[in-house]
Protein backbone atom coordinates (compact mmCIF):
# COMPACT_ATOMS: atom_id res chain seq x y z
CA UNK A 1 54.84 26.33 137.77
CA UNK A 2 53.76 29.94 138.03
CA UNK A 3 55.53 32.41 135.72
CA UNK A 4 55.01 36.00 136.86
CA UNK A 5 55.44 39.20 134.85
CA UNK A 6 55.23 42.98 135.04
CA UNK A 7 51.72 44.31 134.39
CA UNK A 8 50.21 44.99 131.95
CA UNK A 9 50.46 41.75 129.97
CA UNK A 10 47.72 40.68 127.56
CA UNK A 11 46.76 37.05 126.95
CA UNK A 12 44.52 38.35 124.16
CA UNK A 13 47.55 39.67 122.26
CA UNK A 14 49.30 36.29 122.33
CA UNK A 15 46.10 34.38 121.65
CA UNK A 16 45.56 36.50 118.51
CA UNK A 17 49.22 36.07 117.50
CA UNK A 18 49.07 32.26 117.73
CA UNK A 19 45.59 32.05 116.21
CA UNK A 20 47.00 33.51 113.01
CA UNK A 21 50.19 31.43 113.01
CA UNK A 22 49.33 28.15 114.77
CA UNK A 23 51.12 25.24 113.12
CA UNK A 24 48.86 22.15 112.98
CA UNK A 25 50.38 19.07 114.57
CA UNK A 26 52.96 21.11 116.48
CA UNK A 27 50.85 23.76 118.23
CA UNK A 28 47.43 23.67 119.86
CA UNK A 29 45.46 26.76 120.88
CA UNK A 30 42.25 27.20 122.85
CA UNK A 31 40.61 30.28 124.34
CA UNK A 32 42.57 29.81 127.56
CA UNK A 33 45.62 27.68 126.73
CA UNK A 34 48.57 27.31 124.38
CA UNK A 35 50.35 23.98 123.95
CA UNK A 36 53.21 22.95 121.68
CA UNK A 37 55.69 20.15 121.16
CA UNK A 38 59.39 20.88 121.53
CA UNK A 39 62.79 19.37 120.94
CA UNK A 40 65.70 20.15 123.25
CA UNK A 41 68.86 18.38 122.14
CA UNK A 42 68.02 14.67 122.07
CA UNK A 43 64.99 15.15 124.31
CA UNK A 44 61.45 16.09 123.37
CA UNK A 45 58.11 16.73 125.00
CA UNK A 46 55.30 19.25 125.21
CA UNK A 47 54.63 22.41 127.19
CA UNK A 48 51.31 24.06 127.99
CA UNK A 49 50.58 27.55 129.28
CA UNK A 50 47.39 28.98 130.74
CA UNK A 51 46.74 32.57 131.85
CA UNK A 52 46.26 33.28 135.53
CA UNK A 53 45.87 36.62 137.30
CA UNK A 54 49.31 38.23 137.13
CA UNK A 55 51.06 35.13 135.85
CA UNK A 56 51.08 32.20 133.45
CA UNK A 57 50.74 28.61 134.60
CA UNK A 58 53.25 26.26 132.97
CA UNK A 59 52.76 22.52 132.64
CA UNK A 60 55.35 20.16 131.13
CA UNK A 61 54.96 16.63 129.82
CA UNK A 62 55.91 14.11 132.56
CA UNK A 63 59.25 12.95 131.12
CA UNK A 64 60.36 16.54 130.43
CA UNK A 65 59.86 18.01 133.90
CA UNK A 66 63.56 17.72 134.72
CA UNK A 67 64.22 20.03 131.73
CA UNK A 68 62.48 22.95 133.46
CA UNK A 69 65.74 24.84 134.21
CA UNK A 70 66.66 24.86 130.50
CA UNK A 71 63.11 25.50 129.30
CA UNK A 72 62.10 28.32 131.60
CA UNK A 73 64.34 31.04 130.10
CA UNK A 74 63.12 30.16 126.59
CA UNK A 75 59.47 30.18 127.63
CA UNK A 76 59.82 33.47 129.47
CA UNK A 77 61.42 34.96 126.35
CA UNK A 78 58.75 33.39 124.14
CA UNK A 79 56.00 35.21 126.04
CA UNK A 80 58.15 38.27 126.80
CA UNK A 81 57.58 38.01 130.53
CA UNK A 82 60.67 39.93 131.66
CA UNK A 83 60.31 43.25 129.84
CA UNK A 84 59.06 46.35 131.64
CA UNK A 85 56.23 47.84 129.55
CA UNK A 86 56.23 51.12 131.49
CA UNK A 87 59.87 51.80 130.64
CA UNK A 88 59.30 50.98 126.97
CA UNK A 89 56.14 53.11 126.78
CA UNK A 90 57.87 56.11 128.34
CA UNK A 91 60.57 56.00 125.70
CA UNK A 92 58.38 55.33 122.66
CA UNK A 93 55.84 57.88 123.89
CA UNK A 94 58.34 60.64 123.22
CA UNK A 95 57.30 60.30 119.58
CA UNK A 96 53.89 62.02 119.28
CA UNK A 97 52.88 59.69 116.43
CA UNK A 98 53.20 56.62 118.67
CA UNK A 99 51.30 58.08 121.63
CA UNK A 100 47.88 57.13 120.23
CA UNK A 101 48.98 53.53 119.63
CA UNK A 102 50.47 53.26 123.12
CA UNK A 103 47.18 54.45 124.60
CA UNK A 104 45.09 52.17 122.38
CA UNK A 105 47.14 49.01 123.03
CA UNK A 106 48.71 49.37 126.48
CA UNK A 107 51.60 47.06 127.29
CA UNK A 108 51.99 45.15 124.02
CA UNK A 109 54.75 42.56 124.20
CA UNK A 110 57.07 40.96 121.66
CA UNK A 111 56.01 37.37 120.88
CA UNK A 112 59.10 35.24 120.22
CA UNK A 113 59.47 31.77 118.70
CA UNK A 114 60.41 28.84 120.91
CA UNK A 115 63.03 27.60 118.45
CA UNK A 116 65.21 29.84 116.23
CA UNK A 117 65.57 27.22 113.49
CA UNK A 118 61.81 26.72 113.28
CA UNK A 119 61.34 30.49 113.05
CA UNK A 120 63.99 30.71 110.34
CA UNK A 121 62.20 28.06 108.29
CA UNK A 122 58.85 29.76 108.72
CA UNK A 123 60.30 33.15 107.79
CA UNK A 124 61.85 31.82 104.58
CA UNK A 125 58.58 30.09 103.70
CA UNK A 126 56.79 33.37 104.37
CA UNK A 127 58.79 35.41 101.87
CA UNK A 128 56.33 37.22 99.59
CA UNK A 129 53.27 35.21 100.68
CA UNK A 130 50.52 35.80 103.23
CA UNK A 131 50.78 34.48 106.78
CA UNK A 132 47.93 32.06 106.03
CA UNK A 133 49.71 30.67 102.97
CA UNK A 134 52.96 30.32 104.90
CA UNK A 135 51.22 28.36 107.67
CA UNK A 136 49.72 26.03 105.07
CA UNK A 137 53.13 25.32 103.52
CA UNK A 138 54.78 24.87 106.92
CA UNK A 139 51.99 22.43 107.80
CA UNK A 140 52.83 20.36 104.73
CA UNK A 141 56.45 20.31 105.87
CA UNK A 142 55.41 18.96 109.27
CA UNK A 143 53.14 16.33 107.70
CA UNK A 144 55.95 15.15 105.42
CA UNK A 145 58.99 15.33 107.68
CA UNK A 146 57.80 15.79 111.26
CA UNK A 147 58.36 12.98 113.77
CA UNK A 148 55.68 11.57 116.09
CA UNK A 149 55.72 13.09 119.57
CA UNK A 150 56.19 10.64 122.41
CA UNK A 151 53.74 11.18 125.29
CA UNK A 152 51.37 12.99 122.95
CA UNK A 153 47.95 13.54 124.52
CA UNK A 154 44.84 12.85 122.42
CA UNK A 155 43.87 16.51 122.34
CA UNK A 156 47.40 17.92 122.19
CA UNK A 157 50.27 18.27 119.68
CA UNK A 158 51.11 15.05 117.88
CA UNK A 159 54.30 15.87 115.99
CA UNK A 160 57.73 17.46 116.34
CA UNK A 161 58.90 20.10 113.91
CA UNK A 162 61.30 18.59 111.32
CA UNK A 163 65.02 18.58 112.06
CA UNK A 164 67.44 20.67 109.96
CA UNK A 165 68.89 17.54 108.35
CA UNK A 166 65.46 16.16 107.44
CA UNK A 167 64.61 19.35 105.55
CA UNK A 168 68.03 19.58 103.92
CA UNK A 169 67.83 15.97 102.65
CA UNK A 170 64.35 16.25 101.10
CA UNK A 171 63.87 17.76 97.63
CA UNK A 172 60.43 19.01 98.84
CA UNK A 173 58.52 18.34 95.62
CA UNK A 174 54.98 19.70 95.58
CA UNK A 175 55.48 21.64 98.80
CA UNK A 176 53.95 24.77 97.25
CA UNK A 177 56.99 27.04 96.96
CA UNK A 178 58.96 28.32 93.96
CA UNK A 179 62.10 26.32 93.22
CA UNK A 180 64.45 29.11 94.23
CA UNK A 181 62.80 29.45 97.62
CA UNK A 182 62.98 25.69 98.13
CA UNK A 183 66.71 25.90 97.38
CA UNK A 184 67.07 28.74 99.91
CA UNK A 185 65.23 26.74 102.56
CA UNK A 186 67.30 23.61 102.00
CA UNK A 187 70.59 25.58 102.01
CA UNK A 188 69.55 27.24 105.27
CA UNK A 189 68.65 23.89 106.82
CA UNK A 190 71.92 22.27 105.66
CA UNK A 191 73.99 25.16 107.02
CA UNK A 192 72.33 24.76 110.42
CA UNK A 193 72.66 20.97 110.29
CA UNK A 194 76.40 20.98 109.51
CA UNK A 195 77.16 23.85 111.88
CA UNK A 196 78.38 26.31 109.24
CA UNK A 197 75.53 28.66 110.26
CA UNK A 198 75.20 29.35 113.97
CA UNK A 199 71.81 30.64 115.02
CA UNK A 200 72.87 32.63 118.05
CA UNK A 201 73.69 36.19 119.02
CA UNK A 202 77.41 35.67 119.48
CA UNK A 203 78.91 38.89 118.17
CA UNK A 204 75.58 40.73 118.32
CA UNK A 205 72.51 41.16 116.15
CA UNK A 206 74.36 42.59 113.16
CA UNK A 207 76.71 39.62 113.11
CA UNK A 208 73.72 37.28 112.98
CA UNK A 209 72.10 39.33 110.22
CA UNK A 210 75.35 39.24 108.23
CA UNK A 211 75.65 35.46 108.64
CA UNK A 212 72.10 34.97 107.41
CA UNK A 213 72.47 37.38 104.49
CA UNK A 214 75.56 35.47 103.34
CA UNK A 215 73.23 32.63 102.30
CA UNK A 216 71.81 32.99 98.76
CA UNK A 217 68.13 33.88 98.86
CA UNK A 218 68.16 35.49 102.30
CA UNK A 219 67.93 39.26 102.21
CA UNK A 220 67.96 41.94 104.85
CA UNK A 221 64.22 41.72 105.66
CA UNK A 222 64.37 37.96 106.24
CA UNK A 223 67.47 38.23 108.44
CA UNK A 224 66.10 41.13 110.51
CA UNK A 225 62.75 39.43 110.96
CA UNK A 226 64.47 36.25 112.19
CA UNK A 227 66.49 38.33 114.68
CA UNK A 228 63.29 39.92 115.95
CA UNK A 229 61.03 36.86 116.11
CA UNK A 230 63.58 34.15 116.89
CA UNK A 231 65.59 35.96 119.56
CA UNK A 232 63.33 38.76 120.78
CA UNK A 233 65.94 41.39 120.12
CA UNK A 234 64.35 44.61 121.41
CA UNK A 235 66.02 46.80 118.77
CA UNK A 236 65.67 44.52 115.73
CA UNK A 237 63.67 46.28 113.03
CA UNK A 238 62.81 44.91 109.55
CA UNK A 239 62.54 48.28 107.82
CA UNK A 240 61.23 46.91 104.53
CA UNK A 241 58.33 45.01 106.12
CA UNK A 242 55.06 45.74 104.32
CA UNK A 243 53.01 45.90 107.52
CA UNK A 244 55.32 48.55 108.95
CA UNK A 245 55.32 50.59 105.74
CA UNK A 246 51.52 50.44 105.36
CA UNK A 247 50.53 51.06 108.97
CA UNK A 248 47.55 53.47 109.20
CA UNK A 249 49.81 55.66 111.32
CA UNK A 250 51.39 56.98 108.12
CA UNK A 251 48.17 57.84 106.32
CA UNK A 252 46.73 56.35 103.10
CA UNK A 253 50.01 56.54 101.15
CA UNK A 254 52.14 54.78 103.74
CA UNK A 255 55.81 55.63 104.22
CA UNK A 256 59.01 54.77 102.36
CA UNK A 257 61.54 52.36 103.83
CA UNK A 258 64.14 55.13 103.91
CA UNK A 259 61.83 57.51 105.78
CA UNK A 260 60.79 54.75 108.19
CA UNK A 261 64.40 53.87 108.96
CA UNK A 262 65.10 57.52 109.71
CA UNK A 263 62.02 57.88 111.91
CA UNK A 264 62.84 54.68 113.78
CA UNK A 265 66.21 56.00 114.95
CA UNK A 266 64.46 57.88 117.76
CA UNK A 267 62.81 54.62 118.92
CA UNK A 268 66.12 52.92 119.74
CA UNK A 269 66.75 50.77 121.75
CA UNK A 270 63.11 49.59 121.57
CA UNK A 271 62.46 49.55 117.82
CA UNK A 272 61.10 45.98 117.90
CA UNK A 273 58.36 47.11 120.27
CA UNK A 274 57.52 50.03 118.01
CA UNK A 275 57.19 47.44 115.23
CA UNK A 276 54.73 45.44 117.34
CA UNK A 277 52.54 48.52 117.75
CA UNK A 278 52.67 49.30 114.03
CA UNK A 279 51.83 45.68 113.13
CA UNK A 280 48.92 45.73 115.54
CA UNK A 281 47.46 48.86 113.98
CA UNK A 282 48.00 47.45 110.48
CA UNK A 283 46.30 44.15 111.39
CA UNK A 284 43.24 45.89 112.77
CA UNK A 285 42.83 48.05 109.71
CA UNK A 286 43.46 45.30 107.13
C-alpha cells in the first residue's frame, strides 16, 4: 500500500527519532525501513514501512492484511502524514525566534506512538532518566513479559509489547527503576487493564491530562508528554520539559517554565510542532 503525504516530509527525521528510541524485540530499524510488531484487540502481527518518492510503502504480515482499515489511520497518525507543514510553518513563523528553526529544519513532523498504552509505559519509565536508559529498562520489560510474535520473520521483530495486565501483575524486581516509579507504572497498567483509566481523547486533551494526573506518581509533564506522543495532539505542550527549556534558541541560560508557557501562547494551536523544532535544535546542540 502506498501512503501519500503533503511535502515536505523527511524520512531522516523519523529515522533519527526511532534510532534513539528503538525498542529491541518490538521494533526493527534499517537505513530505509521501519518495522514493528503490534497488537490490535485479540489480533497481532507486524507492519513495515519504507520511504518512496512522495509516499511511504506499507507492508503488513500476511494474517493481518484484513486489518488494514483499522491500522491505516493509526499508521498515518504515527508518521504524521496528514498534517500540512506549510500551514503550520506560516503560523509558527510569525514568531521571529522560530523563523531560523523553520528555515533550518523545513517541514518537521510530529512522530506519534503506535499504541497509547505502550507510550504511557515508556513515558513513566523515562521520568528523570535519559532516553537511552529508558530504552534499556523498557527492553528488560519486553524480555520479561513480552509474548512471542506469531509470523515473526528471522530479521524482524520477535516479540509483542507486554499487556497492561502482565505489567500490573509483575512486581518487576531488578527492572532498574526506583520502587516508587515501579509502583506508578504498575498502578497505571492496572488502571488501563481494569478500565478505570481510559486512554482516549473523549472530553478533550485536558480531560485526558486530568485523568492521568489523578494517578499517584504521574505529574503534569508526564501527562502532557503522553498526550503529545501517544495521540499526536497538535497543541499539547509539556512546558516543564528539559529539552524545551534548554533549547539553544533561548541562549546559554535557557528559559523558565513560566516564561516558556507565556511565549508558547502565540504558537497555539500548533504548540506541539513548536516543541518538535525546539527538541530538534536541543538534540543537535547536545
